[in-house]
Amino acid sequence: MVGTRQFDEDALLEAALETFWQNGFTATSMIDVAEATGVQRGSLYNAYGDKERLFLLAFERYSIRFLDFVRQALVDPDPVVALTTLFKGVVANMTEGAPSRGCLTTRTAIELPLAGKAIEARVKQLIEDLTALIRDALSTPAARRQLSCDPAMAADLVVTFTRGLAVMERVFHNPLHLDKMSKQFVRVLLPDAKARRSR
């Protein structure tokens, strides 16, 4: 049948995602994707048009998974537990693999001047969605009583801190150090939590 793709698209996007994650958007060529997926370059171009389109599809898959993880991490009503769970997952995600693959969002954000407007818009959307989830989780009465600032500012700080973690992971490749910094950040953001537990 004309137009039918002769490959497993789910497997292809998964392999493409891992390739972009390890190498970054600009450093990944369609030759790299072809080698990783086992699909010829011609077939990739026929199916997706260009590298940007393929990246956006792979990044969409990544975004859905990441936001699902964030929702689950923030389910606990205790903001200390919720943020601790979030940071543990973030650190585990970026230190996975050999060599560790880092944070795809931050890696892509750094490359935005070379990546194009469509990718820039998608990265911004993911950051906005992430910020909204954290803000909502920190807007409960229990969280408000413990925060050192309002929930909107706290959410911005958490997102900014996770970007900093991504950079530090690239420099030091030390998950234990990242965990230590994350725990201290939670203490600074929620200074009243310890006092409430001691009552």
C-alpha atoms as a PDB file:
ATOM      1  CA  MET A   1       0.000   0.000   0.000  1.00  0.00           C
ATOM      2  CA  VAL A   2       1.387   3.384  -1.019  1.00  0.00           C
ATOM      3  CA  GLY A   3       2.262   5.609   1.944  1.00  0.00           C
ATOM      4  CA  THR A   4       2.482   2.771   4.456  1.00  0.00           C
ATOM      5  CA  ARG A   5       5.589   3.066   6.587  1.00  0.00           C
ATOM      6  CA  GLN A   6       7.792   0.011   6.496  1.00  0.00           C
ATOM      7  CA  PHE A   7       9.048   0.391  10.049  1.00  0.00           C
ATOM      8  CA  ASP A   8       7.826   0.354  13.640  1.00  0.00           C
ATOM      9  CA  GLU A   9       7.250   4.041  14.348  1.00  0.00           C
ATOM     10  CA  ASP A  10       7.063   3.556  18.105  1.00  0.00           C
ATOM     11  CA  ALA A  11      10.457   1.841  18.161  1.00  0.00           C
ATOM     12  CA  LEU A  12      11.884   4.434  15.784  1.00  0.00           C
ATOM     13  CA  LEU A  13      10.796   7.399  17.913  1.00  0.00           C
ATOM     14  CA  GLU A  14      12.138   5.691  21.009  1.00  0.00           C
ATOM     15  CA  ALA A  15      15.540   5.181  19.402  1.00  0.00           C
ATOM     16  CA  ALA A  16      15.514   8.711  17.994  1.00  0.00           C
ATOM     17  CA  LEU A  17      14.697  10.113  21.431  1.00  0.00           C
ATOM     18  CA  GLU A  18      17.650   8.320  23.010  1.00  0.00           C
ATOM     19  CA  THR A  19      19.942   9.553  20.244  1.00  0.00           C
ATOM     20  CA  PHE A  20      18.862  13.181  20.605  1.00  0.00           C
ATOM     21  CA  TRP A  21      19.089  12.858  24.392  1.00  0.00           C
ATOM     22  CA  GLN A  22      22.656  11.596  24.315  1.00  0.00           C
ATOM     23  CA  ASN A  23      23.978  13.903  21.588  1.00  0.00           C
ATOM     24  CA  GLY A  24      21.738  16.969  21.625  1.00  0.00           C
ATOM     25  CA  PHE A  25      19.686  18.307  18.727  1.00  0.00           C
ATOM     26  CA  THR A  26      22.406  20.168  16.852  1.00  0.00           C
ATOM     27  CA  ALA A  27      25.032  17.419  17.175  1.00  0.00           C
ATOM     28  CA  THR A  28      22.660  14.709  15.969  1.00  0.00           C
ATOM     29  CA  SER A  29      22.483  14.158  12.224  1.00  0.00           C
ATOM     30  CA  MET A  30      19.930  12.194  10.264  1.00  0.00           C
ATOM     31  CA  ILE A  31      22.747   9.728   9.628  1.00  0.00           C
ATOM     32  CA  ASP A  32      22.993   9.223  13.402  1.00  0.00           C
ATOM     33  CA  VAL A  33      19.244   8.667  13.620  1.00  0.00           C
ATOM     34  CA  ALA A  34      19.344   6.252  10.693  1.00  0.00           C
ATOM     35  CA  GLU A  35      22.100   4.240  12.361  1.00  0.00           C
ATOM     36  CA  ALA A  36      20.299   4.214  15.716  1.00  0.00           C
ATOM     37  CA  THR A  37      16.944   3.221  14.261  1.00  0.00           C
ATOM     38  CA  GLY A  38      18.015   0.957  11.436  1.00  0.00           C
ATOM     39  CA  VAL A  39      15.841   2.989   9.058  1.00  0.00           C
ATOM     40  CA  GLN A  40      17.425   4.458   5.934  1.00  0.00           C
ATOM     41  CA  ARG A  41      17.802   8.226   5.691  1.00  0.00           C
ATOM     42  CA  GLY A  42      15.589   8.381   2.635  1.00  0.00           C
ATOM     43  CA  SER A  43      12.772   6.704   4.520  1.00  0.00           C
ATOM     44  CA  LEU A  44      13.229   9.091   7.437  1.00  0.00           C
ATOM     45  CA  TYR A  45      13.017  12.133   5.181  1.00  0.00           C
ATOM     46  CA  ASN A  46       9.992  10.716   3.366  1.00  0.00           C
ATOM     47  CA  ALA A  47       8.204  10.030   6.643  1.00  0.00           C
ATOM     48  CA  TYR A  48       9.145  13.133   8.652  1.00  0.00           C
ATOM     49  CA  GLY A  49      10.469  15.741   6.262  1.00  0.00           C
ATOM     50  CA  ASP A  50      13.427  16.921   8.301  1.00  0.00           C
ATOM     51  CA  LYS A  51      15.330  16.529  11.549  1.00  0.00           C
ATOM     52  CA  GLU A  52      13.338  19.223  13.341  1.00  0.00           C
ATOM     53  CA  ARG A  53      10.030  17.448  12.782  1.00  0.00           C
ATOM     54  CA  LEU A  54      11.481  14.154  13.964  1.00  0.00           C
ATOM     55  CA  PHE A  55      12.940  15.822  17.045  1.00  0.00           C
ATOM     56  CA  LEU A  56       9.622  17.460  17.905  1.00  0.00           C
ATOM     57  CA  LEU A  57       7.850  14.108  17.787  1.00  0.00           C
ATOM     58  CA  ALA A  58      10.511  12.525  19.988  1.00  0.00           C
ATOM     59  CA  PHE A  59      10.451  15.495  22.372  1.00  0.00           C
ATOM     60  CA  GLU A  60       6.660  15.252  22.633  1.00  0.00           C
ATOM     61  CA  ARG A  61       7.049  11.672  23.798  1.00  0.00           C
ATOM     62  CA  TYR A  62       9.643  12.782  26.342  1.00  0.00           C
ATOM     63  CA  SER A  63       7.442  15.660  27.555  1.00  0.00           C
ATOM     64  CA  ILE A  64       4.403  13.464  28.159  1.00  0.00           C
ATOM     65  CA  ARG A  65       6.432  10.979  30.188  1.00  0.00           C
ATOM     66  CA  PHE A  66       8.198  13.668  32.184  1.00  0.00           C
ATOM     67  CA  LEU A  67       5.020  15.517  33.113  1.00  0.00           C
ATOM     68  CA  ASP A  68       3.336  12.236  34.080  1.00  0.00           C
ATOM     69  CA  PHE A  69       6.267  11.536  36.391  1.00  0.00           C
ATOM     70  CA  VAL A  70       6.001  15.026  37.918  1.00  0.00           C
ATOM     71  CA  ARG A  71       2.281  14.567  38.607  1.00  0.00           C
ATOM     72  CA  GLN A  72       2.954  11.292  40.397  1.00  0.00           C
ATOM     73  CA  ALA A  73       5.877  12.721  42.365  1.00  0.00           C
ATOM     74  CA  LEU A  74       3.796  15.627  43.637  1.00  0.00           C
ATOM     75  CA  VAL A  75       0.813  13.537  44.768  1.00  0.00           C
ATOM     76  CA  ASP A  76       1.941  13.398  48.414  1.00  0.00           C
ATOM     77  CA  PRO A  77       0.177  16.120  50.442  1.00  0.00           C
ATOM     78  CA  ASP A  78       3.355  16.741  52.438  1.00  0.00           C
ATOM     79  CA  PRO A  79       5.306  19.297  50.353  1.00  0.00           C
ATOM     80  CA  VAL A  80       8.648  18.121  51.740  1.00  0.00           C
ATOM     81  CA  VAL A  81       7.960  14.549  50.666  1.00  0.00           C
ATOM     82  CA  ALA A  82       6.572  15.677  47.313  1.00  0.00           C
ATOM     83  CA  LEU A  83       9.548  17.865  46.407  1.00  0.00           C
ATOM     84  CA  THR A  84      12.050  15.313  47.704  1.00  0.00           C
ATOM     85  CA  THR A  85      10.432  12.662  45.505  1.00  0.00           C
ATOM     86  CA  LEU A  86      10.483  15.045  42.555  1.00  0.00           C
ATOM     87  CA  PHE A  87      14.165  15.857  42.923  1.00  0.00           C
ATOM     88  CA  LYS A  88      15.137  12.207  43.411  1.00  0.00           C
ATOM     89  CA  GLY A  89      13.405  11.342  40.165  1.00  0.00           C
ATOM     90  CA  VAL A  90      14.921  14.274  38.298  1.00  0.00           C
ATOM     91  CA  VAL A  91      18.428  13.330  39.420  1.00  0.00           C
ATOM     92  CA  ALA A  92      17.888   9.652  38.584  1.00  0.00           C
ATOM     93  CA  ASN A  93      16.567  10.568  35.146  1.00  0.00           C
ATOM     94  CA  MET A  94      19.497  12.771  34.189  1.00  0.00           C
ATOM     95  CA  THR A  95      22.185  10.443  35.576  1.00  0.00           C
ATOM     96  CA  GLU A  96      20.826   7.359  33.834  1.00  0.00           C
ATOM     97  CA  GLY A  97      22.902   5.639  31.188  1.00  0.00           C
ATOM     98  CA  ALA A  98      26.606   5.205  30.536  1.00  0.00           C
ATOM     99  CA  PRO A  99      27.670   7.878  29.913  1.00  0.00           C
ATOM    100  CA  SER A 100      24.930   9.706  31.776  1.00  0.00           C
ATOM    101  CA  ARG A 101      22.587  11.463  29.386  1.00  0.00           C
ATOM    102  CA  GLY A 102      21.815  14.623  31.348  1.00  0.00           C
ATOM    103  CA  CYS A 103      18.590  16.613  30.986  1.00  0.00           C
ATOM    104  CA  LEU A 104      17.107  16.774  27.501  1.00  0.00           C
ATOM    105  CA  THR A 105      15.109  19.927  28.263  1.00  0.00           C
ATOM    106  CA  THR A 106      18.106  21.888  29.529  1.00  0.00           C
ATOM    107  CA  ARG A 107      20.388  20.581  26.784  1.00  0.00           C
ATOM    108  CA  THR A 108      17.856  21.669  24.176  1.00  0.00           C
ATOM    109  CA  ALA A 109      17.286  25.046  25.846  1.00  0.00           C
ATOM    110  CA  ILE A 110      20.996  25.799  25.633  1.00  0.00           C
ATOM    111  CA  GLU A 111      20.914  24.979  21.919  1.00  0.00           C
ATOM    112  CA  LEU A 112      17.822  27.091  21.136  1.00  0.00           C
ATOM    113  CA  PRO A 113      19.698  29.765  19.125  1.00  0.00           C
ATOM    114  CA  LEU A 114      20.519  27.014  16.627  1.00  0.00           C
ATOM    115  CA  ALA A 115      17.380  24.923  16.986  1.00  0.00           C
ATOM    116  CA  GLY A 116      14.597  27.026  15.480  1.00  0.00           C
ATOM    117  CA  LYS A 117      11.374  28.662  16.611  1.00  0.00           C
ATOM    118  CA  ALA A 118       9.235  25.527  16.702  1.00  0.00           C
ATOM    119  CA  ILE A 119      11.593  23.784  19.105  1.00  0.00           C
ATOM    120  CA  GLU A 120      11.898  26.946  21.192  1.00  0.00           C
ATOM    121  CA  ALA A 121       8.110  27.128  21.524  1.00  0.00           C
ATOM    122  CA  ARG A 122       7.878  23.465  22.555  1.00  0.00           C
ATOM    123  CA  VAL A 123      10.578  23.803  25.203  1.00  0.00           C
ATOM    124  CA  LYS A 124       8.860  26.906  26.602  1.00  0.00           C
ATOM    125  CA  GLN A 125       5.571  25.029  26.744  1.00  0.00           C
ATOM    126  CA  LEU A 126       7.133  22.176  28.696  1.00  0.00           C
ATOM    127  CA  ILE A 127       8.695  24.587  31.191  1.00  0.00           C
ATOM    128  CA  GLU A 128       5.368  26.385  31.602  1.00  0.00           C
ATOM    129  CA  ASP A 129       3.510  23.102  32.118  1.00  0.00           C
ATOM    130  CA  LEU A 130       6.102  21.959  34.650  1.00  0.00           C
ATOM    131  CA  THR A 131       5.898  25.253  36.531  1.00  0.00           C
ATOM    132  CA  ALA A 132       2.098  25.066  36.646  1.00  0.00           C
ATOM    133  CA  LEU A 133       2.129  21.544  38.102  1.00  0.00           C
ATOM    134  CA  ILE A 134       4.559  22.553  40.840  1.00  0.00           C
ATOM    135  CA  ARG A 135       2.694  25.775  41.587  1.00  0.00           C
ATOM    136  CA  ASP A 136      -0.580  23.881  41.992  1.00  0.00           C
ATOM    137  CA  ALA A 137       1.041  21.316  44.287  1.00  0.00           C
ATOM    138  CA  LEU A 138       2.491  24.077  46.473  1.00  0.00           C
ATOM    139  CA  SER A 139      -0.764  26.042  46.642  1.00  0.00           C
ATOM    140  CA  THR A 140      -2.395  23.836  49.267  1.00  0.00           C
ATOM    141  CA  PRO A 141      -2.946  25.332  52.739  1.00  0.00           C
ATOM    142  CA  ALA A 142      -0.396  22.927  54.231  1.00  0.00           C
ATOM    143  CA  ALA A 143       2.276  23.922  51.723  1.00  0.00           C
ATOM    144  CA  ARG A 144       1.559  27.644  52.013  1.00  0.00           C
ATOM    145  CA  ARG A 145       2.112  27.496  55.777  1.00  0.00           C
ATOM    146  CA  GLN A 146       5.585  26.043  55.293  1.00  0.00           C
ATOM    147  CA  LEU A 147       6.870  27.934  52.252  1.00  0.00           C
ATOM    148  CA  SER A 148       9.350  30.778  52.538  1.00  0.00           C
ATOM    149  CA  CYS A 149       7.601  32.557  49.605  1.00  0.00           C
ATOM    150  CA  ASP A 150       4.345  32.425  47.668  1.00  0.00           C
ATOM    151  CA  PRO A 151       3.570  29.284  45.598  1.00  0.00           C
ATOM    152  CA  ALA A 152       4.144  30.972  42.223  1.00  0.00           C
ATOM    153  CA  MET A 153       7.613  32.160  43.199  1.00  0.00           C
ATOM    154  CA  ALA A 154       8.368  28.798  44.806  1.00  0.00           C
ATOM    155  CA  ALA A 155       7.441  26.996  41.592  1.00  0.00           C
ATOM    156  CA  ASP A 156       9.706  29.276  39.558  1.00  0.00           C
ATOM    157  CA  LEU A 157      12.531  28.638  42.017  1.00  0.00           C
ATOM    158  CA  VAL A 158      12.061  24.866  41.845  1.00  0.00           C
ATOM    159  CA  VAL A 159      12.135  24.857  38.044  1.00  0.00           C
ATOM    160  CA  THR A 160      15.187  27.121  37.987  1.00  0.00           C
ATOM    161  CA  PHE A 161      16.932  24.899  40.533  1.00  0.00           C
ATOM    162  CA  THR A 162      16.302  21.790  38.431  1.00  0.00           C
ATOM    163  CA  ARG A 163      17.986  23.525  35.487  1.00  0.00           C
ATOM    164  CA  GLY A 164      20.940  24.255  37.749  1.00  0.00           C
ATOM    165  CA  LEU A 165      21.054  20.597  38.778  1.00  0.00           C
ATOM    166  CA  ALA A 166      21.242  19.646  35.107  1.00  0.00           C
ATOM    167  CA  VAL A 167      24.252  21.891  34.561  1.00  0.00           C
ATOM    168  CA  MET A 168      26.018  20.635  37.697  1.00  0.00           C
ATOM    169  CA  GLU A 169      25.428  17.039  36.591  1.00  0.00           C
ATOM    170  CA  ARG A 170      27.219  17.788  33.328  1.00  0.00           C
ATOM    171  CA  VAL A 171      30.183  19.210  35.249  1.00  0.00           C
ATOM    172  CA  PHE A 172      30.598  16.777  38.149  1.00  0.00           C
ATOM    173  CA  HIS A 173      28.658  13.593  37.216  1.00  0.00           C
ATOM    174  CA  ASN A 174      27.987  13.023  40.921  1.00  0.00           C
ATOM    175  CA  PRO A 175      24.420  11.922  41.822  1.00  0.00           C
ATOM    176  CA  LEU A 176      25.143  11.969  45.559  1.00  0.00           C
ATOM    177  CA  HIS A 177      26.182  15.616  45.377  1.00  0.00           C
ATOM    178  CA  LEU A 178      23.028  16.459  43.430  1.00  0.00           C
ATOM    179  CA  ASP A 179      20.893  14.687  46.041  1.00  0.00           C
ATOM    180  CA  LYS A 180      22.621  16.587  48.824  1.00  0.00           C
ATOM    181  CA  MET A 181      22.018  19.942  47.139  1.00  0.00           C
ATOM    182  CA  SER A 182      18.386  19.032  46.501  1.00  0.00           C
ATOM    183  CA  LYS A 183      17.731  18.208  50.147  1.00  0.00           C
ATOM    184  CA  GLN A 184      19.261  21.489  51.252  1.00  0.00           C
ATOM    185  CA  PHE A 185      17.179  23.384  48.712  1.00  0.00           C
ATOM    186  CA  VAL A 186      13.991  21.827  50.102  1.00  0.00           C
ATOM    187  CA  ARG A 187      15.019  22.929  53.606  1.00  0.00           C
ATOM    188  CA  VAL A 188      15.531  26.493  52.396  1.00  0.00           C
ATOM    189  CA  LEU A 189      12.262  26.569  50.481  1.00  0.00           C
ATOM    190  CA  LEU A 190      10.253  25.014  53.318  1.00  0.00           C
ATOM    191  CA  PRO A 191      11.916  26.351  56.493  1.00  0.00           C
ATOM    192  CA  ASP A 192       8.805  25.865  58.622  1.00  0.00           C
ATOM    193  CA  ALA A 193       8.533  22.151  57.911  1.00  0.00           C
ATOM    194  CA  LYS A 194      11.021  21.111  60.600  1.00  0.00           C
ATOM    195  CA  ALA A 195       9.385  23.336  63.189  1.00  0.00           C
ATOM    196  CA  ARG A 196       5.941  21.914  62.421  1.00  0.00           C
ATOM    197  CA  ARG A 197       7.220  18.356  62.752  1.00  0.00           C
ATOM    198  CA  SER A 198       8.798  19.083  66.138  1.00  0.00           C
ATOM    199  CA  ARG A 199       5.551  20.353  67.683  1.00  0.00           C
END
